[in-house]
PDB file of N, CA and C in Angstrom:
ATOM      1  N   MET A   1      73.260 -28.438 145.083  1.00  0.00           N
ATOM      2  CA  MET A   1      71.751 -28.953 144.340  1.00  0.00           C
ATOM      3  C   MET A   1      72.783 -29.603 143.521  1.00  0.00           C
ATOM      4  N   GLU A   2      73.484 -29.233 142.586  1.00  0.00           N
ATOM      5  CA  GLU A   2      74.983 -29.778 141.416  1.00  0.00           C
ATOM      6  C   GLU A   2      74.834 -31.359 142.228  1.00  0.00           C
ATOM      7  N   GLU A   3      74.574 -32.208 143.150  1.00  0.00           N
ATOM      8  CA  GLU A   3      74.996 -33.888 143.399  1.00  0.00           C
ATOM      9  C   GLU A   3      73.151 -33.636 143.307  1.00  0.00           C
ATOM     10  N   LEU A   4      72.519 -33.170 143.346  1.00  0.00           N
ATOM     11  CA  LEU A   4      70.985 -33.264 143.413  1.00  0.00           C
ATOM     12  C   LEU A   4      70.707 -33.440 142.016  1.00  0.00           C
ATOM     13  N   ALA A   5      70.773 -32.827 141.787  1.00  0.00           N
ATOM     14  CA  ALA A   5      71.651 -32.732 139.841  1.00  0.00           C
ATOM     15  C   ALA A   5      71.810 -34.105 139.142  1.00  0.00           C
ATOM     16  N   GLN A   6      72.958 -34.203 139.635  1.00  0.00           N
ATOM     17  CA  GLN A   6      73.718 -36.176 139.103  1.00  0.00           C
ATOM     18  C   GLN A   6      72.852 -36.832 139.561  1.00  0.00           C
ATOM     19  N   LEU A   7      72.223 -37.245 140.468  1.00  0.00           N
ATOM     20  CA  LEU A   7      71.686 -37.841 141.005  1.00  0.00           C
ATOM     21  C   LEU A   7      69.608 -38.584 140.534  1.00  0.00           C
ATOM     22  N   ARG A   8      69.569 -37.441 139.384  1.00  0.00           N
ATOM     23  CA  ARG A   8      68.365 -38.130 138.640  1.00  0.00           C
ATOM     24  C   ARG A   8      68.135 -39.014 137.591  1.00  0.00           C
ATOM     25  N   PRO A   9      69.398 -38.598 136.907  1.00  0.00           N
ATOM     26  CA  PRO A   9      69.192 -39.807 136.054  1.00  0.00           C
ATOM     27  C   PRO A   9      68.890 -40.868 136.447  1.00  0.00           C
ATOM     28  N   TYR A  10      69.487 -41.298 138.243  1.00  0.00           N
ATOM     29  CA  TYR A  10      69.544 -42.186 138.537  1.00  0.00           C
ATOM     30  C   TYR A  10      68.080 -42.942 139.737  1.00  0.00           C
ATOM     31  N   ILE A  11      67.556 -42.239 139.888  1.00  0.00           N
ATOM     32  CA  ILE A  11      66.182 -41.434 140.145  1.00  0.00           C
ATOM     33  C   ILE A  11      65.091 -43.004 140.216  1.00  0.00           C
ATOM     34  N   PRO A  12      65.322 -42.963 138.588  1.00  0.00           N
ATOM     35  CA  PRO A  12      63.709 -44.521 138.543  1.00  0.00           C
ATOM     36  C   PRO A  12      64.329 -45.841 139.113  1.00  0.00           C
ATOM     37  N   LEU A  13      65.979 -45.578 139.213  1.00  0.00           N
ATOM     38  CA  LEU A  13      66.243 -47.143 139.439  1.00  0.00           C
ATOM     39  C   LEU A  13      66.630 -46.836 140.792  1.00  0.00           C
ATOM     40  N   LEU A  14      66.728 -46.597 141.878  1.00  0.00           N
ATOM     41  CA  LEU A  14      66.672 -45.860 143.628  1.00  0.00           C
ATOM     42  C   LEU A  14      65.246 -46.139 143.794  1.00  0.00           C
ATOM     43  N   ILE A  15      64.238 -45.593 142.963  1.00  0.00           N
ATOM     44  CA  ILE A  15      63.059 -45.524 144.073  1.00  0.00           C
ATOM     45  C   ILE A  15      62.470 -46.941 144.084  1.00  0.00           C
ATOM     46  N   PRO A  16      62.668 -47.851 143.180  1.00  0.00           N
ATOM     47  CA  PRO A  16      62.130 -49.125 142.974  1.00  0.00           C
ATOM     48  C   PRO A  16      63.323 -50.141 144.219  1.00  0.00           C
ATOM     49  N   ILE A  17      64.474 -50.225 144.016  1.00  0.00           N
ATOM     50  CA  ILE A  17      65.312 -50.547 145.078  1.00  0.00           C
ATOM     51  C   ILE A  17      64.655 -49.779 146.436  1.00  0.00           C
ATOM     52  N   LEU A  18      64.819 -48.734 146.513  1.00  0.00           N
ATOM     53  CA  LEU A  18      64.289 -48.350 148.265  1.00  0.00           C
ATOM     54  C   LEU A  18      62.846 -49.358 148.707  1.00  0.00           C
ATOM     55  N   LEU A  19      62.042 -49.000 147.915  1.00  0.00           N
ATOM     56  CA  LEU A  19      60.407 -50.142 147.938  1.00  0.00           C
ATOM     57  C   LEU A  19      60.375 -51.188 148.500  1.00  0.00           C
ATOM     58  N   ILE A  20      61.273 -51.333 147.949  1.00  0.00           N
ATOM     59  CA  ILE A  20      61.405 -53.234 147.620  1.00  0.00           C
ATOM     60  C   ILE A  20      62.504 -53.536 149.367  1.00  0.00           C
ATOM     61  N   GLN A  21      63.217 -52.348 150.071  1.00  0.00           N
ATOM     62  CA  GLN A  21      63.707 -52.301 151.429  1.00  0.00           C
ATOM     63  C   GLN A  21      62.694 -52.268 151.990  1.00  0.00           C
ATOM     64  N   LEU A  22      62.346 -51.377 152.420  1.00  0.00           N
ATOM     65  CA  LEU A  22      60.950 -51.237 152.692  1.00  0.00           C
ATOM     66  C   LEU A  22      60.119 -51.973 152.927  1.00  0.00           C
ATOM     67  N   ALA A  23      59.559 -52.801 152.147  1.00  0.00           N
ATOM     68  CA  ALA A  23      58.427 -53.941 151.853  1.00  0.00           C
ATOM     69  C   ALA A  23      59.722 -54.849 152.853  1.00  0.00           C
ATOM     70  N   LEU A  24      60.783 -55.153 152.535  1.00  0.00           N
ATOM     71  CA  LEU A  24      61.313 -56.507 153.309  1.00  0.00           C
ATOM     72  C   LEU A  24      61.460 -55.721 155.122  1.00  0.00           C
ATOM     73  N   VAL A  25      61.056 -54.374 154.723  1.00  0.00           N
ATOM     74  CA  VAL A  25      61.732 -54.238 156.739  1.00  0.00           C
ATOM     75  C   VAL A  25      60.560 -54.234 156.809  1.00  0.00           C
ATOM     76  N   ILE A  26      59.797 -54.155 156.735  1.00  0.00           N
ATOM     77  CA  ILE A  26      58.255 -53.719 157.176  1.00  0.00           C
ATOM     78  C   ILE A  26      57.913 -55.290 157.579  1.00  0.00           C
ATOM     79  N   ALA A  27      57.690 -55.978 156.445  1.00  0.00           N
ATOM     80  CA  ALA A  27      57.428 -57.910 157.018  1.00  0.00           C
ATOM     81  C   ALA A  27      57.946 -58.337 157.470  1.00  0.00           C
ATOM     82  N   ALA A  28      59.631 -58.043 157.710  1.00  0.00           N
ATOM     83  CA  ALA A  28      60.050 -58.598 158.615  1.00  0.00           C
ATOM     84  C   ALA A  28      59.734 -58.630 159.977  1.00  0.00           C
ATOM     85  N   LEU A  29      59.597 -57.399 159.826  1.00  0.00           N
ATOM     86  CA  LEU A  29      59.093 -56.211 161.351  1.00  0.00           C
ATOM     87  C   LEU A  29      57.977 -56.899 162.344  1.00  0.00           C
ATOM     88  N   VAL A  30      57.180 -56.600 161.254  1.00  0.00           N
ATOM     89  CA  VAL A  30      56.218 -58.071 161.455  1.00  0.00           C
ATOM     90  C   VAL A  30      55.898 -58.979 161.917  1.00  0.00           C
ATOM     91  N   ASP A  31      56.933 -59.940 161.068  1.00  0.00           N
ATOM     92  CA  ASP A  31      56.693 -61.132 160.849  1.00  0.00           C
ATOM     93  C   ASP A  31      57.200 -61.891 162.256  1.00  0.00           C
ATOM     94  N   LEU A  32      57.949 -60.761 162.839  1.00  0.00           N
ATOM     95  CA  LEU A  32      58.669 -61.034 163.836  1.00  0.00           C
ATOM     96  C   LEU A  32      58.193 -60.552 165.339  1.00  0.00           C
ATOM     97  N   LEU A  33      57.539 -59.866 165.841  1.00  0.00           N
ATOM     98  CA  LEU A  33      56.341 -59.424 166.540  1.00  0.00           C
ATOM     99  C   LEU A  33      55.291 -60.548 166.134  1.00  0.00           C
ATOM    100  N   ARG A  34      55.105 -61.318 165.155  1.00  0.00           N
ATOM    101  CA  ARG A  34      53.749 -61.994 165.711  1.00  0.00           C
ATOM    102  C   ARG A  34      54.033 -63.234 165.586  1.00  0.00           C
ATOM    103  N   ARG A  35      55.363 -63.398 165.989  1.00  0.00           N
ATOM    104  CA  ARG A  35      55.280 -64.981 165.584  1.00  0.00           C
ATOM    105  C   ARG A  35      56.201 -64.893 167.109  1.00  0.00           C
ATOM    106  N   GLU A  36      55.504 -66.256 168.574  1.00  0.00           N
ATOM    107  CA  GLU A  36      55.853 -66.388 169.524  1.00  0.00           C
ATOM    108  C   GLU A  36      57.448 -66.175 169.429  1.00  0.00           C
ATOM    109  N   LYS A  37      58.026 -67.425 168.917  1.00  0.00           N
ATOM    110  CA  LYS A  37      59.773 -68.402 169.242  1.00  0.00           C
ATOM    111  C   LYS A  37      60.317 -67.765 167.456  1.00  0.00           C
ATOM    112  N   THR A  38      61.394 -67.099 167.759  1.00  0.00           N
ATOM    113  CA  THR A  38      62.321 -67.032 167.085  1.00  0.00           C
ATOM    114  C   THR A  38      64.313 -67.752 167.305  1.00  0.00           C
ATOM    115  N   LYS A  39      64.801 -67.505 166.620  1.00  0.00           N
ATOM    116  CA  LYS A  39      65.947 -68.183 167.043  1.00  0.00           C
ATOM    117  C   LYS A  39      66.562 -66.787 167.184  1.00  0.00           C
ATOM    118  N   GLY A  40      67.143 -66.694 168.628  1.00  0.00           N
ATOM    119  CA  GLY A  40      67.766 -65.994 169.000  1.00  0.00           C
ATOM    120  C   GLY A  40      66.751 -65.083 169.602  1.00  0.00           C
ATOM    121  N   PRO A  41      67.259 -63.922 170.439  1.00  0.00           N
ATOM    122  CA  PRO A  41      66.336 -63.255 171.121  1.00  0.00           C
ATOM    123  C   PRO A  41      66.191 -61.868 170.214  1.00  0.00           C
ATOM    124  N   LYS A  42      64.347 -61.538 170.016  1.00  0.00           N
ATOM    125  CA  LYS A  42      63.467 -60.891 169.119  1.00  0.00           C
ATOM    126  C   LYS A  42      64.640 -58.963 168.832  1.00  0.00           C
ATOM    127  N   TRP A  43      65.038 -58.526 170.222  1.00  0.00           N
ATOM    128  CA  TRP A  43      65.597 -57.533 170.175  1.00  0.00           C
ATOM    129  C   TRP A  43      66.925 -57.400 169.017  1.00  0.00           C
ATOM    130  N   LEU A  44      67.113 -58.325 169.193  1.00  0.00           N
ATOM    131  CA  LEU A  44      68.679 -58.569 169.077  1.00  0.00           C
ATOM    132  C   LEU A  44      68.219 -58.913 167.217  1.00  0.00           C
ATOM    133  N   TRP A  45      67.363 -59.318 166.389  1.00  0.00           N
ATOM    134  CA  TRP A  45      66.220 -59.285 165.283  1.00  0.00           C
ATOM    135  C   TRP A  45      65.643 -58.079 165.351  1.00  0.00           C
ATOM    136  N   VAL A  46      65.510 -57.284 165.791  1.00  0.00           N
ATOM    137  CA  VAL A  46      65.466 -55.622 165.838  1.00  0.00           C
ATOM    138  C   VAL A  46      66.814 -55.012 164.686  1.00  0.00           C
ATOM    139  N   LEU A  47      67.558 -55.047 165.389  1.00  0.00           N
ATOM    140  CA  LEU A  47      68.605 -54.726 165.244  1.00  0.00           C
ATOM    141  C   LEU A  47      69.196 -54.942 164.054  1.00  0.00           C
ATOM    142  N   ILE A  48      68.907 -56.580 163.236  1.00  0.00           N
ATOM    143  CA  ILE A  48      69.797 -56.407 162.952  1.00  0.00           C
ATOM    144  C   ILE A  48      68.884 -56.613 161.662  1.00  0.00           C
ATOM    145  N   ILE A  49      67.650 -56.704 161.658  1.00  0.00           N
ATOM    146  CA  ILE A  49      66.810 -56.512 160.391  1.00  0.00           C
ATOM    147  C   ILE A  49      66.421 -54.834 160.125  1.00  0.00           C
ATOM    148  N   LEU A  50      67.016 -54.092 161.196  1.00  0.00           N
ATOM    149  CA  LEU A  50      66.713 -52.144 160.672  1.00  0.00           C
ATOM    150  C   LEU A  50      67.839 -52.060 160.485  1.00  0.00           C
ATOM    151  N   PHE A  51      69.023 -52.071 160.604  1.00  0.00           N
ATOM    152  CA  PHE A  51      70.341 -51.713 160.689  1.00  0.00           C
ATOM    153  C   PHE A  51      71.659 -52.475 159.926  1.00  0.00           C
ATOM    154  N   PHE A  52      71.149 -53.244 159.101  1.00  0.00           N
ATOM    155  CA  PHE A  52      71.920 -54.260 157.728  1.00  0.00           C
ATOM    156  C   PHE A  52      71.333 -54.215 156.706  1.00  0.00           C
ATOM    157  N   ASN A  53      70.692 -53.183 155.808  1.00  0.00           N
ATOM    158  CA  ASN A  53      69.063 -52.629 155.143  1.00  0.00           C
ATOM    159  C   ASN A  53      69.434 -53.761 153.940  1.00  0.00           C
ATOM    160  N   MET A  54      69.086 -54.483 153.525  1.00  0.00           N
ATOM    161  CA  MET A  54      68.279 -55.442 152.677  1.00  0.00           C
ATOM    162  C   MET A  54      69.251 -56.424 153.155  1.00  0.00           C
ATOM    163  N   ILE A  55      70.474 -56.923 153.768  1.00  0.00           N
ATOM    164  CA  ILE A  55      70.130 -58.557 153.815  1.00  0.00           C
ATOM    165  C   ILE A  55      70.082 -58.817 155.576  1.00  0.00           C
ATOM    166  N   GLY A  56      69.856 -57.666 156.108  1.00  0.00           N
ATOM    167  CA  GLY A  56      69.153 -57.740 157.295  1.00  0.00           C
ATOM    168  C   GLY A  56      67.689 -59.076 157.443  1.00  0.00           C
ATOM    169  N   PRO A  57      66.838 -58.366 156.791  1.00  0.00           N
ATOM    170  CA  PRO A  57      65.323 -58.998 156.401  1.00  0.00           C
ATOM    171  C   PRO A  57      65.415 -60.334 156.071  1.00  0.00           C
ATOM    172  N   ILE A  58      66.172 -60.287 154.827  1.00  0.00           N
ATOM    173  CA  ILE A  58      66.741 -61.381 154.530  1.00  0.00           C
ATOM    174  C   ILE A  58      67.362 -62.901 155.409  1.00  0.00           C
ATOM    175  N   VAL A  59      68.350 -62.696 155.996  1.00  0.00           N
ATOM    176  CA  VAL A  59      69.042 -62.991 156.747  1.00  0.00           C
ATOM    177  C   VAL A  59      68.149 -63.310 157.977  1.00  0.00           C
ATOM    178  N   TYR A  60      67.183 -63.159 158.745  1.00  0.00           N
ATOM    179  CA  TYR A  60      66.271 -63.053 159.682  1.00  0.00           C
ATOM    180  C   TYR A  60      64.848 -64.621 159.085  1.00  0.00           C
ATOM    181  N   PHE A  61      64.746 -63.600 157.408  1.00  0.00           N
ATOM    182  CA  PHE A  61      63.588 -64.865 156.729  1.00  0.00           C
ATOM    183  C   PHE A  61      64.012 -66.305 156.780  1.00  0.00           C
ATOM    184  N   VAL A  62      65.712 -66.471 156.717  1.00  0.00           N
ATOM    185  CA  VAL A  62      66.024 -67.150 156.058  1.00  0.00           C
ATOM    186  C   VAL A  62      67.003 -68.253 157.284  1.00  0.00           C
ATOM    187  N   VAL A  63      67.269 -67.343 158.437  1.00  0.00           N
ATOM    188  CA  VAL A  63      67.758 -68.308 159.600  1.00  0.00           C
ATOM    189  C   VAL A  63      66.814 -67.650 161.111  1.00  0.00           C
ATOM    190  N   GLY A  64      66.239 -66.496 160.966  1.00  0.00           N
ATOM    191  CA  GLY A  64      65.721 -66.508 162.163  1.00  0.00           C
ATOM    192  C   GLY A  64      64.899 -67.029 163.194  1.00  0.00           C
ATOM    193  N   ARG A  65      63.917 -67.600 161.789  1.00  0.00           N
ATOM    194  CA  ARG A  65      62.166 -68.037 161.791  1.00  0.00           C
ATOM    195  C   ARG A  65      62.217 -69.707 162.380  1.00  0.00           C
ATOM    196  N   ASP A  66      61.529 -69.543 163.576  1.00  0.00           N
ATOM    197  CA  ASP A  66      61.667 -70.596 164.099  1.00  0.00           C
ATOM    198  C   ASP A  66      60.278 -71.742 164.154  1.00  0.00           C
ATOM    199  N   GLU A  67      60.434 -72.099 162.573  1.00  0.00           N
ATOM    200  CA  GLU A  67      59.250 -72.990 162.771  1.00  0.00           C
ATOM    201  C   GLU A  67      58.293 -73.588 163.944  1.00  0.00           C
TER     202      GLU A  67
END
């Protein structure tokens, strides 16, 4: 419980960061599923988006989308 009490001052900073991260992941996954062609296999992009927090969705939007 002491660890949680130590995190209490940082919660107002952490909540917006977590919400932004969640929004990026959801937006990237929705875009990936709707798009017919991507640069690389879709299963690989799903792994990148899910396991590389914050960076994965951004990399997908910059590199992975095939216009």
